[in-house]
């Protein structure tokens, strides 16, 4: 059944409301990235504050089991949030739960800054709890933002619009680094620290302030999220209220009612099959597998190399004992900002420009391939060429160039496309749910990748900075494994992922 309101959406010209929706939905992704990726410098500050009195071999360094837990618990919350809010988005509506996810993010960001107590155990336990709740809100934002943008967009520029929403993640990473640098610089200047007093008690306030600032952009868009109408596709295809769908679209897209209201009264059409039935898996099982597994493989690589950037390029940083607490966090945030500006953000916007020209599948395969080549180039000669401790040489800037290329092709590649494709392939009544399932499986990969890389990349050749870790694979083997994961992602994309470019959402459902 071809509804006039849906045909009008597919052919509508790009209008002001499309850009407004990009900003409103994108602010959620902006906050997601800020909260997830500010954790590296935060861990440095908390390590300085709460582990300063440890023996010299472990001074300033949070034990790896604590770091792993803090990182994994937020990702676990994200996975659960994607499942729960994704299902709620299909059951009770995108708009009704959209604001709830954002409110959880705002309140939990503030709560992270108020992590209870001043003792090490109390602070870290409460921080972990609040970051788990934060993860729930972040997880809820993923399927809802993607689904809402896909259902508002026209079929000609839908990929670019969803990619533009997702590109706000890059600005969130940059904002996290910038805020960290500004806060640390202000505190450093105000403290006027001496070499004998590297970590003042005020540093405990600095990391809390950085976390709480993350609530501001999300809070600013809360009102506009509440004012967004329900998407016409949900109203028409799930609630089957065709008149209300037409009225909502007349308001936001300035379409005349004559173009979008049905000529005759339409009777409700009951769903032909339930979720997870044999018929569902026969029609959509392949798509759900391809979306979930490619997202799983991508997140193994993306989060392992993003959340622990400082661990990868620590040879480009001064030694811990040569920096005070603020300077240490500042240097890590500065390198994160450089990577974001030079590689991550350009990668997102290359996808925005090319996604509706060359297609999702080609971009995803290309990204996986070049990421694999980068990790092989970094990993195979790591100890013989890149490691300054082994070669007693200055840090090689070529390492950072290659590392930046890896981020460029992850964003001009599978990091963006795995967010887009699940919002385009599934029926409206299951779209948010299936996006949530795909993202949740992806976050399982993120937990495996980030925690696994943190432990596996330390080996017998590593320096004393790795104390606290058991002897493991080392950087060469770890980076080669990441390359293998990328090649597997390219193969899965080639054999299982369907192209969605230029087709309406109803055509992509393959629901005839």
Foldseek 3Di string as FASTA:
>chain_A
DDALQQVCLQPFDDDPLLVVLLLLLLLLLLLLLLQLQLVQLLQQLLLQQAQQPPPPLCHSHDFLVLVLLLNLLLLLLLLVLLQVLLLVCLVPHLLVCQLVLLVLLLVLLLQLLPQDDDHSVSSSVSNSVSSSSNSNSSNNSQLSSQQQQQLNHHQLQSLLSLLSSNLSSLVSLLVSLVLLLVLLVVCCVVVVDDLVCQRDPCSSNSSSVSSNVSSPSSVVSSVVSNVQDTRLQSCCQPVVPQVVSLVNCCVSSVDDSVSRHDPDDDDDDDDPDDPPDPVCCVQCVLVLVLLQLLLLLLLLQPLQCRNVVCVVVVLQPDDPSVHGSSVVSSVVSVLSNVLSVPAQSLLSVVCSVCCLPPFQLVQALVLLQLLLVLLLVCQPCPLVPQDCVNVVDRGDVVNSVSSSNNNSSSNSHDVSSSSNQLSQAARSSNSSNSSSNSVSSSSVSNSCNNSVSLQAQAAPPDDSSNPSHDHHNHSNVSSNVSSVSSNVSSVSSVPRHDTSHSHRSVVNNSPD
